[in-house]
Amino acid sequence: MFLSDVEKLLKLRPLEYKKVQMSVQIYVPPILTTIVITGPADLVNEDNIETLEMYFDNERKSSGGGVIEDSSTFDKETGAIYITFEEAEGNHN
């Protein structure tokens, strides 16, 4: 069995860089869900990112909610908007 780079690094404790000891631990980022929106260029474009964020953040209108503000991006090459939510699953009742 081969050890992953992270496992190898963690076994080398204590770690030093320029004769200064560092603390290292595994970081597991929170799970996020990003949707990809495609469609006509007059709707899916850089100018409409904020409008689409508000739409998908509104649970009543889109069944969405919890959009991470200012995290959305427009990919000019594909003509798609990427919107990321705070949670992978909503808290719908």
PDB file of N, CA and C in Angstrom:
ATOM      1  N   MET A   1       0.841  -1.187   0.000  1.00  0.00           N
ATOM      2  CA  MET A   1       0.000   0.000   0.000  1.00  0.00           C
ATOM      3  C   MET A   1       0.883   1.245   0.000  1.00  0.00           C
ATOM      4  N   PHE A   2       0.561   2.178  -0.863  1.00  0.00           N
ATOM      5  CA  PHE A   2       1.316   3.421  -0.952  1.00  0.00           C
ATOM      6  C   PHE A   2       0.644   4.485  -0.102  1.00  0.00           C
ATOM      7  N   LEU A   3       1.450   5.228   0.627  1.00  0.00           N
ATOM      8  CA  LEU A   3       0.909   6.320   1.429  1.00  0.00           C
ATOM      9  C   LEU A   3       0.676   7.539   0.555  1.00  0.00           C
ATOM     10  N   SER A   4      -0.418   8.233   0.821  1.00  0.00           N
ATOM     11  CA  SER A   4      -0.670   9.471   0.083  1.00  0.00           C
ATOM     12  C   SER A   4       0.338  10.527   0.530  1.00  0.00           C
ATOM     13  N   ASP A   5       0.477  11.558  -0.255  1.00  0.00           N
ATOM     14  CA  ASP A   5       1.399  12.639   0.098  1.00  0.00           C
ATOM     15  C   ASP A   5       1.051  13.242   1.454  1.00  0.00           C
ATOM     16  N   VAL A   6      -0.242  13.360   1.738  1.00  0.00           N
ATOM     17  CA  VAL A   6      -0.661  13.934   3.021  1.00  0.00           C
ATOM     18  C   VAL A   6      -0.252  13.016   4.162  1.00  0.00           C
ATOM     19  N   GLU A   7      -0.479  11.724   4.008  1.00  0.00           N
ATOM     20  CA  GLU A   7      -0.102  10.782   5.058  1.00  0.00           C
ATOM     21  C   GLU A   7       1.403  10.806   5.301  1.00  0.00           C
ATOM     22  N   LYS A   8       2.184  10.876   4.233  1.00  0.00           N
ATOM     23  CA  LYS A   8       3.642  10.957   4.368  1.00  0.00           C
ATOM     24  C   LYS A   8       4.035  12.222   5.127  1.00  0.00           C
ATOM     25  N   LEU A   9       3.426  13.330   4.758  1.00  0.00           N
ATOM     26  CA  LEU A   9       3.743  14.611   5.390  1.00  0.00           C
ATOM     27  C   LEU A   9       3.421  14.582   6.877  1.00  0.00           C
ATOM     28  N   LEU A  10       2.275  14.022   7.232  1.00  0.00           N
ATOM     29  CA  LEU A  10       1.868  13.987   8.635  1.00  0.00           C
ATOM     30  C   LEU A  10       2.774  13.092   9.474  1.00  0.00           C
ATOM     31  N   LYS A  11       3.387  12.098   8.866  1.00  0.00           N
ATOM     32  CA  LYS A  11       4.297  11.210   9.598  1.00  0.00           C
ATOM     33  C   LYS A  11       5.645  11.876   9.867  1.00  0.00           C
ATOM     34  N   LEU A  12       5.944  12.959   9.195  1.00  0.00           N
ATOM     35  CA  LEU A  12       7.234  13.637   9.353  1.00  0.00           C
ATOM     36  C   LEU A  12       7.248  14.651  10.504  1.00  0.00           C
ATOM     37  N   ARG A  13       6.290  14.587  11.372  1.00  0.00           N
ATOM     38  CA  ARG A  13       6.227  15.564  12.451  1.00  0.00           C
ATOM     39  C   ARG A  13       7.403  15.424  13.383  1.00  0.00           C
ATOM     40  N   PRO A  14       7.908  16.426  14.010  1.00  0.00           N
ATOM     41  CA  PRO A  14       7.595  17.828  13.740  1.00  0.00           C
ATOM     42  C   PRO A  14       8.247  18.290  12.432  1.00  0.00           C
ATOM     43  N   LEU A  15       7.580  19.199  11.771  1.00  0.00           N
ATOM     44  CA  LEU A  15       8.092  19.760  10.522  1.00  0.00           C
ATOM     45  C   LEU A  15       8.765  21.093  10.792  1.00  0.00           C
ATOM     46  N   GLU A  16       9.838  21.329  10.070  1.00  0.00           N
ATOM     47  CA  GLU A  16      10.548  22.596  10.215  1.00  0.00           C
ATOM     48  C   GLU A  16      10.794  23.208   8.851  1.00  0.00           C
ATOM     49  N   TYR A  17      10.689  24.509   8.795  1.00  0.00           N
ATOM     50  CA  TYR A  17      11.004  25.271   7.594  1.00  0.00           C
ATOM     51  C   TYR A  17      11.835  26.455   8.039  1.00  0.00           C
ATOM     52  N   LYS A  18      13.024  26.594   7.488  1.00  0.00           N
ATOM     53  CA  LYS A  18      13.972  27.646   7.874  1.00  0.00           C
ATOM     54  C   LYS A  18      14.201  27.646   9.386  1.00  0.00           C
ATOM     55  N   LYS A  19      14.337  26.403   9.914  1.00  0.00           N
ATOM     56  CA  LYS A  19      14.634  26.175  11.327  1.00  0.00           C
ATOM     57  C   LYS A  19      13.529  26.632  12.274  1.00  0.00           C
ATOM     58  N   VAL A  20      12.313  26.767  11.732  1.00  0.00           N
ATOM     59  CA  VAL A  20      11.155  27.124  12.548  1.00  0.00           C
ATOM     60  C   VAL A  20      10.158  25.973  12.477  1.00  0.00           C
ATOM     61  N   GLN A  21       9.714  25.530  13.644  1.00  0.00           N
ATOM     62  CA  GLN A  21       8.788  24.412  13.689  1.00  0.00           C
ATOM     63  C   GLN A  21       7.375  24.854  13.283  1.00  0.00           C
ATOM     64  N   MET A  22       6.720  23.998  12.470  1.00  0.00           N
ATOM     65  CA  MET A  22       5.365  24.289  12.004  1.00  0.00           C
ATOM     66  C   MET A  22       4.412  23.217  12.501  1.00  0.00           C
ATOM     67  N   SER A  23       3.161  23.600  12.620  1.00  0.00           N
ATOM     68  CA  SER A  23       2.100  22.670  12.948  1.00  0.00           C
ATOM     69  C   SER A  23       1.331  22.365  11.664  1.00  0.00           C
ATOM     70  N   VAL A  24       1.103  21.083  11.400  1.00  0.00           N
ATOM     71  CA  VAL A  24       0.406  20.673  10.188  1.00  0.00           C
ATOM     72  C   VAL A  24      -0.709  19.714  10.574  1.00  0.00           C
ATOM     73  N   GLN A  25      -1.884  19.923   9.979  1.00  0.00           N
ATOM     74  CA  GLN A  25      -3.009  19.017  10.191  1.00  0.00           C
ATOM     75  C   GLN A  25      -3.832  18.939   8.917  1.00  0.00           C
ATOM     76  N   ILE A  26      -4.654  17.916   8.813  1.00  0.00           N
ATOM     77  CA  ILE A  26      -5.500  17.757   7.638  1.00  0.00           C
ATOM     78  C   ILE A  26      -6.643  18.756   7.719  1.00  0.00           C
ATOM     79  N   TYR A  27      -6.905  19.416   6.602  1.00  0.00           N
ATOM     80  CA  TYR A  27      -8.025  20.338   6.494  1.00  0.00           C
ATOM     81  C   TYR A  27      -9.055  19.728   5.554  1.00  0.00           C
ATOM     82  N   VAL A  28     -10.275  19.585   6.032  1.00  0.00           N
ATOM     83  CA  VAL A  28     -11.362  19.071   5.208  1.00  0.00           C
ATOM     84  C   VAL A  28     -12.326  20.231   4.984  1.00  0.00           C
ATOM     85  N   PRO A  29     -12.388  20.737   3.750  1.00  0.00           N
ATOM     86  CA  PRO A  29     -13.260  21.876   3.486  1.00  0.00           C
ATOM     87  C   PRO A  29     -14.724  21.471   3.569  1.00  0.00           C
ATOM     88  N   PRO A  30     -15.598  22.443   3.847  1.00  0.00           N
ATOM     89  CA  PRO A  30     -17.026  22.129   3.883  1.00  0.00           C
ATOM     90  C   PRO A  30     -17.517  21.738   2.490  1.00  0.00           C
ATOM     91  N   ILE A  31     -18.521  20.902   2.462  1.00  0.00           N
ATOM     92  CA  ILE A  31     -19.080  20.469   1.182  1.00  0.00           C
ATOM     93  C   ILE A  31     -19.955  21.579   0.620  1.00  0.00           C
ATOM     94  N   LEU A  32     -19.671  21.980  -0.592  1.00  0.00           N
ATOM     95  CA  LEU A  32     -20.462  22.998  -1.272  1.00  0.00           C
ATOM     96  C   LEU A  32     -21.051  22.390  -2.537  1.00  0.00           C
ATOM     97  N   THR A  33     -22.128  22.966  -2.985  1.00  0.00           N
ATOM     98  CA  THR A  33     -22.738  22.510  -4.224  1.00  0.00           C
ATOM     99  C   THR A  33     -22.793  23.678  -5.185  1.00  0.00           C
ATOM    100  N   THR A  34     -22.291  23.452  -6.370  1.00  0.00           N
ATOM    101  CA  THR A  34     -22.311  24.476  -7.409  1.00  0.00           C
ATOM    102  C   THR A  34     -23.174  23.983  -8.559  1.00  0.00           C
ATOM    103  N   ILE A  35     -24.054  24.872  -9.043  1.00  0.00           N
ATOM    104  CA  ILE A  35     -24.847  24.539 -10.218  1.00  0.00           C
ATOM    105  C   ILE A  35     -24.293  25.302 -11.411  1.00  0.00           C
ATOM    106  N   VAL A  36     -24.499  24.751 -12.594  1.00  0.00           N
ATOM    107  CA  VAL A  36     -24.063  25.375 -13.837  1.00  0.00           C
ATOM    108  C   VAL A  36     -25.324  25.776 -14.592  1.00  0.00           C
ATOM    109  N   ILE A  37     -25.408  27.057 -14.948  1.00  0.00           N
ATOM    110  CA  ILE A  37     -26.575  27.561 -15.659  1.00  0.00           C
ATOM    111  C   ILE A  37     -26.163  27.891 -17.087  1.00  0.00           C
ATOM    112  N   THR A  38     -26.874  27.311 -18.036  1.00  0.00           N
ATOM    113  CA  THR A  38     -26.656  27.611 -19.444  1.00  0.00           C
ATOM    114  C   THR A  38     -27.988  28.023 -20.055  1.00  0.00           C
ATOM    115  N   GLY A  39     -27.920  28.726 -21.144  1.00  0.00           N
ATOM    116  CA  GLY A  39     -29.135  29.166 -21.807  1.00  0.00           C
ATOM    117  C   GLY A  39     -28.828  30.263 -22.797  1.00  0.00           C
ATOM    118  N   PRO A  40     -29.861  30.945 -23.263  1.00  0.00           N
ATOM    119  CA  PRO A  40     -29.661  32.015 -24.240  1.00  0.00           C
ATOM    120  C   PRO A  40     -28.751  33.115 -23.683  1.00  0.00           C
ATOM    121  N   ALA A  41     -27.910  33.660 -24.549  1.00  0.00           N
ATOM    122  CA  ALA A  41     -26.940  34.680 -24.139  1.00  0.00           C
ATOM    123  C   ALA A  41     -27.602  35.940 -23.591  1.00  0.00           C
ATOM    124  N   ASP A  42     -28.840  36.223 -23.971  1.00  0.00           N
ATOM    125  CA  ASP A  42     -29.504  37.407 -23.432  1.00  0.00           C
ATOM    126  C   ASP A  42     -29.954  37.198 -21.989  1.00  0.00           C
ATOM    127  N   LEU A  43     -29.988  35.942 -21.520  1.00  0.00           N
ATOM    128  CA  LEU A  43     -30.335  35.646 -20.137  1.00  0.00           C
ATOM    129  C   LEU A  43     -29.105  35.241 -19.318  1.00  0.00           C
ATOM    130  N   VAL A  44     -28.284  34.358 -19.871  1.00  0.00           N
ATOM    131  CA  VAL A  44     -27.120  33.837 -19.157  1.00  0.00           C
ATOM    132  C   VAL A  44     -25.889  34.599 -19.643  1.00  0.00           C
ATOM    133  N   ASN A  45     -25.573  35.663 -18.891  1.00  0.00           N
ATOM    134  CA  ASN A  45     -24.418  36.498 -19.232  1.00  0.00           C
ATOM    135  C   ASN A  45     -23.885  37.150 -17.966  1.00  0.00           C
ATOM    136  N   GLU A  46     -22.747  37.774 -18.097  1.00  0.00           N
ATOM    137  CA  GLU A  46     -22.068  38.372 -16.938  1.00  0.00           C
ATOM    138  C   GLU A  46     -22.913  39.435 -16.245  1.00  0.00           C
ATOM    139  N   ASP A  47     -23.694  40.179 -17.019  1.00  0.00           N
ATOM    140  CA  ASP A  47     -24.527  41.235 -16.448  1.00  0.00           C
ATOM    141  C   ASP A  47     -25.675  40.698 -15.597  1.00  0.00           C
ATOM    142  N   ASN A  48     -26.061  39.452 -15.803  1.00  0.00           N
ATOM    143  CA  ASN A  48     -27.200  38.879 -15.077  1.00  0.00           C
ATOM    144  C   ASN A  48     -26.810  37.991 -13.900  1.00  0.00           C
ATOM    145  N   ILE A  49     -25.554  37.939 -13.550  1.00  0.00           N
ATOM    146  CA  ILE A  49     -25.128  37.081 -12.440  1.00  0.00           C
ATOM    147  C   ILE A  49     -25.900  37.418 -11.166  1.00  0.00           C
ATOM    148  N   GLU A  50     -25.941  38.672 -10.795  1.00  0.00           N
ATOM    149  CA  GLU A  50     -26.598  39.064  -9.541  1.00  0.00           C
ATOM    150  C   GLU A  50     -28.088  38.722  -9.568  1.00  0.00           C
ATOM    151  N   THR A  51     -28.743  38.961 -10.696  1.00  0.00           N
ATOM    152  CA  THR A  51     -30.164  38.644 -10.826  1.00  0.00           C
ATOM    153  C   THR A  51     -30.404  37.145 -10.664  1.00  0.00           C
ATOM    154  N   LEU A  52     -29.572  36.327 -11.300  1.00  0.00           N
ATOM    155  CA  LEU A  52     -29.721  34.882 -11.174  1.00  0.00           C
ATOM    156  C   LEU A  52     -29.365  34.394  -9.773  1.00  0.00           C
ATOM    157  N   GLU A  53     -28.393  35.020  -9.120  1.00  0.00           N
ATOM    158  CA  GLU A  53     -28.095  34.697  -7.715  1.00  0.00           C
ATOM    159  C   GLU A  53     -29.329  34.917  -6.852  1.00  0.00           C
ATOM    160  N   MET A  54     -29.979  36.071  -7.027  1.00  0.00           N
ATOM    161  CA  MET A  54     -31.171  36.388  -6.229  1.00  0.00           C
ATOM    162  C   MET A  54     -32.292  35.384  -6.519  1.00  0.00           C
ATOM    163  N   TYR A  55     -32.457  35.011  -7.783  1.00  0.00           N
ATOM    164  CA  TYR A  55     -33.492  34.036  -8.149  1.00  0.00           C
ATOM    165  C   TYR A  55     -33.237  32.703  -7.454  1.00  0.00           C
ATOM    166  N   PHE A  56     -32.016  32.186  -7.554  1.00  0.00           N
ATOM    167  CA  PHE A  56     -31.719  30.884  -6.966  1.00  0.00           C
ATOM    168  C   PHE A  56     -31.586  30.944  -5.448  1.00  0.00           C
ATOM    169  N   ASP A  57     -31.418  32.117  -4.881  1.00  0.00           N
ATOM    170  CA  ASP A  57     -31.379  32.274  -3.433  1.00  0.00           C
ATOM    171  C   ASP A  57     -32.793  32.312  -2.844  1.00  0.00           C
ATOM    172  N   ASN A  58     -33.793  32.556  -3.676  1.00  0.00           N
ATOM    173  CA  ASN A  58     -35.180  32.679  -3.237  1.00  0.00           C
ATOM    174  C   ASN A  58     -35.842  31.301  -3.259  1.00  0.00           C
ATOM    175  N   GLU A  59     -36.076  30.755  -2.074  1.00  0.00           N
ATOM    176  CA  GLU A  59     -36.636  29.412  -1.962  1.00  0.00           C
ATOM    177  C   GLU A  59     -38.028  29.331  -2.592  1.00  0.00           C
ATOM    178  N   ARG A  60     -38.830  30.374  -2.439  1.00  0.00           N
ATOM    179  CA  ARG A  60     -40.191  30.373  -2.969  1.00  0.00           C
ATOM    180  C   ARG A  60     -40.202  30.326  -4.501  1.00  0.00           C
ATOM    181  N   LYS A  61     -39.293  31.057  -5.133  1.00  0.00           N
ATOM    182  CA  LYS A  61     -39.278  31.132  -6.596  1.00  0.00           C
ATOM    183  C   LYS A  61     -38.595  29.942  -7.255  1.00  0.00           C
ATOM    184  N   SER A  62     -37.492  29.478  -6.680  1.00  0.00           N
ATOM    185  CA  SER A  62     -36.691  28.461  -7.366  1.00  0.00           C
ATOM    186  C   SER A  62     -36.514  27.166  -6.584  1.00  0.00           C
ATOM    187  N   SER A  63     -37.060  27.111  -5.371  1.00  0.00           N
ATOM    188  CA  SER A  63     -36.831  25.984  -4.449  1.00  0.00           C
ATOM    189  C   SER A  63     -35.370  25.913  -4.029  1.00  0.00           C
ATOM    190  N   GLY A  64     -34.637  26.984  -4.251  1.00  0.00           N
ATOM    191  CA  GLY A  64     -33.221  27.048  -3.871  1.00  0.00           C
ATOM    192  C   GLY A  64     -33.076  27.675  -2.499  1.00  0.00           C
ATOM    193  N   GLY A  65     -32.072  28.492  -2.346  1.00  0.00           N
ATOM    194  CA  GLY A  65     -31.807  29.172  -1.084  1.00  0.00           C
ATOM    195  C   GLY A  65     -30.386  28.929  -0.638  1.00  0.00           C
ATOM    196  N   GLY A  66     -29.847  29.903   0.075  1.00  0.00           N
ATOM    197  CA  GLY A  66     -28.508  29.759   0.628  1.00  0.00           C
ATOM    198  C   GLY A  66     -27.385  29.928  -0.372  1.00  0.00           C
ATOM    199  N   VAL A  67     -27.576  30.805  -1.355  1.00  0.00           N
ATOM    200  CA  VAL A  67     -26.511  31.081  -2.317  1.00  0.00           C
ATOM    201  C   VAL A  67     -25.407  31.870  -1.625  1.00  0.00           C
ATOM    202  N   ILE A  68     -24.166  31.491  -1.857  1.00  0.00           N
ATOM    203  CA  ILE A  68     -23.036  32.234  -1.296  1.00  0.00           C
ATOM    204  C   ILE A  68     -22.862  33.498  -2.133  1.00  0.00           C
ATOM    205  N   GLU A  69     -23.106  34.627  -1.503  1.00  0.00           N
ATOM    206  CA  GLU A  69     -23.063  35.920  -2.188  1.00  0.00           C
ATOM    207  C   GLU A  69     -21.682  36.195  -2.770  1.00  0.00           C
ATOM    208  N   ASP A  70     -21.648  36.717  -3.969  1.00  0.00           N
ATOM    209  CA  ASP A  70     -20.423  37.111  -4.675  1.00  0.00           C
ATOM    210  C   ASP A  70     -19.492  35.939  -4.989  1.00  0.00           C
ATOM    211  N   SER A  71     -20.010  34.723  -4.981  1.00  0.00           N
ATOM    212  CA  SER A  71     -19.171  33.576  -5.332  1.00  0.00           C
ATOM    213  C   SER A  71     -19.428  33.105  -6.761  1.00  0.00           C
ATOM    214  N   SER A  72     -20.445  33.655  -7.387  1.00  0.00           N
ATOM    215  CA  SER A  72     -20.822  33.213  -8.727  1.00  0.00           C
ATOM    216  C   SER A  72     -19.872  33.764  -9.776  1.00  0.00           C
ATOM    217  N   THR A  73     -19.694  32.970 -10.834  1.00  0.00           N
ATOM    218  CA  THR A  73     -18.802  33.382 -11.911  1.00  0.00           C
ATOM    219  C   THR A  73     -19.440  33.094 -13.260  1.00  0.00           C
ATOM    220  N   PHE A  74     -18.991  33.838 -14.260  1.00  0.00           N
ATOM    221  CA  PHE A  74     -19.423  33.625 -15.635  1.00  0.00           C
ATOM    222  C   PHE A  74     -18.227  33.149 -16.430  1.00  0.00           C
ATOM    223  N   ASP A  75     -18.392  32.049 -17.143  1.00  0.00           N
ATOM    224  CA  ASP A  75     -17.329  31.506 -17.984  1.00  0.00           C
ATOM    225  C   ASP A  75     -17.609  31.937 -19.414  1.00  0.00           C
ATOM    226  N   LYS A  76     -16.820  32.885 -19.913  1.00  0.00           N
ATOM    227  CA  LYS A  76     -17.020  33.416 -21.263  1.00  0.00           C
ATOM    228  C   LYS A  76     -16.869  32.346 -22.334  1.00  0.00           C
ATOM    229  N   GLU A  77     -15.970  31.410 -22.109  1.00  0.00           N
ATOM    230  CA  GLU A  77     -15.698  30.371 -23.100  1.00  0.00           C
ATOM    231  C   GLU A  77     -16.906  29.457 -23.318  1.00  0.00           C
ATOM    232  N   THR A  78     -17.568  29.085 -22.234  1.00  0.00           N
ATOM    233  CA  THR A  78     -18.715  28.172 -22.344  1.00  0.00           C
ATOM    234  C   THR A  78     -20.049  28.902 -22.310  1.00  0.00           C
ATOM    235  N   GLY A  79     -20.045  30.169 -21.906  1.00  0.00           N
ATOM    236  CA  GLY A  79     -21.287  30.922 -21.800  1.00  0.00           C
ATOM    237  C   GLY A  79     -22.146  30.448 -20.646  1.00  0.00           C
ATOM    238  N   ALA A  80     -21.510  29.962 -19.581  1.00  0.00           N
ATOM    239  CA  ALA A  80     -22.233  29.416 -18.433  1.00  0.00           C
ATOM    240  C   ALA A  80     -21.967  30.243 -17.182  1.00  0.00           C
ATOM    241  N   ILE A  81     -22.941  30.244 -16.285  1.00  0.00           N
ATOM    242  CA  ILE A  81     -22.788  30.870 -14.975  1.00  0.00           C
ATOM    243  C   ILE A  81     -22.741  29.758 -13.936  1.00  0.00           C
ATOM    244  N   TYR A  82     -21.811  29.884 -12.989  1.00  0.00           N
ATOM    245  CA  TYR A  82     -21.660  28.931 -11.897  1.00  0.00           C
ATOM    246  C   TYR A  82     -22.104  29.618 -10.610  1.00  0.00           C
ATOM    247  N   ILE A  83     -23.078  29.024  -9.921  1.00  0.00           N
ATOM    248  CA  ILE A  83     -23.590  29.573  -8.664  1.00  0.00           C
ATOM    249  C   ILE A  83     -23.387  28.521  -7.581  1.00  0.00           C
ATOM    250  N   THR A  84     -22.807  28.945  -6.453  1.00  0.00           N
ATOM    251  CA  THR A  84     -22.497  28.021  -5.364  1.00  0.00           C
ATOM    252  C   THR A  84     -23.406  28.280  -4.170  1.00  0.00           C
ATOM    253  N   PHE A  85     -23.901  27.192  -3.609  1.00  0.00           N
ATOM    254  CA  PHE A  85     -24.769  27.241  -2.436  1.00  0.00           C
ATOM    255  C   PHE A  85     -23.968  26.935  -1.176  1.00  0.00           C
ATOM    256  N   GLU A  86     -24.471  27.426  -0.031  1.00  0.00           N
ATOM    257  CA  GLU A  86     -23.790  27.223   1.241  1.00  0.00           C
ATOM    258  C   GLU A  86     -23.826  25.763   1.674  1.00  0.00           C
ATOM    259  N   GLU A  87     -24.890  25.064   1.346  1.00  0.00           N
ATOM    260  CA  GLU A  87     -25.048  23.680   1.760  1.00  0.00           C
ATOM    261  C   GLU A  87     -25.376  22.809   0.558  1.00  0.00           C
ATOM    262  N   ALA A  88     -24.921  21.566   0.626  1.00  0.00           N
ATOM    263  CA  ALA A  88     -25.198  20.642  -0.464  1.00  0.00           C
ATOM    264  C   ALA A  88     -26.677  20.272  -0.519  1.00  0.00           C
ATOM    265  N   GLU A  89     -27.323  20.249   0.646  1.00  0.00           N
ATOM    266  CA  GLU A  89     -28.733  19.942   0.707  1.00  0.00           C
ATOM    267  C   GLU A  89     -29.438  21.043   1.451  1.00  0.00           C
ATOM    268  N   GLY A  90     -30.612  21.407   0.962  1.00  0.00           N
ATOM    269  CA  GLY A  90     -31.397  22.455   1.604  1.00  0.00           C
ATOM    270  C   GLY A  90     -32.076  21.961   2.867  1.00  0.00           C
ATOM    271  N   ASN A  91     -32.584  22.899   3.626  1.00  0.00           N
ATOM    272  CA  ASN A  91     -33.309  22.583   4.853  1.00  0.00           C
ATOM    273  C   ASN A  91     -34.800  22.715   4.603  1.00  0.00           C
ATOM    274  N   HIS A  92     -35.288  22.054   3.565  1.00  0.00           N
ATOM    275  CA  HIS A  92     -36.695  22.166   3.178  1.00  0.00           C
ATOM    276  C   HIS A  92     -37.541  21.271   4.070  1.00  0.00           C
ATOM    277  N   ASN A  93     -38.674  21.755   4.478  1.00  0.00           N
ATOM    278  CA  ASN A  93     -39.612  20.971   5.294  1.00  0.00           C
ATOM    279  C   ASN A  93     -40.691  20.367   4.429  1.00  0.00           C
TER     280      ASN A  93
END
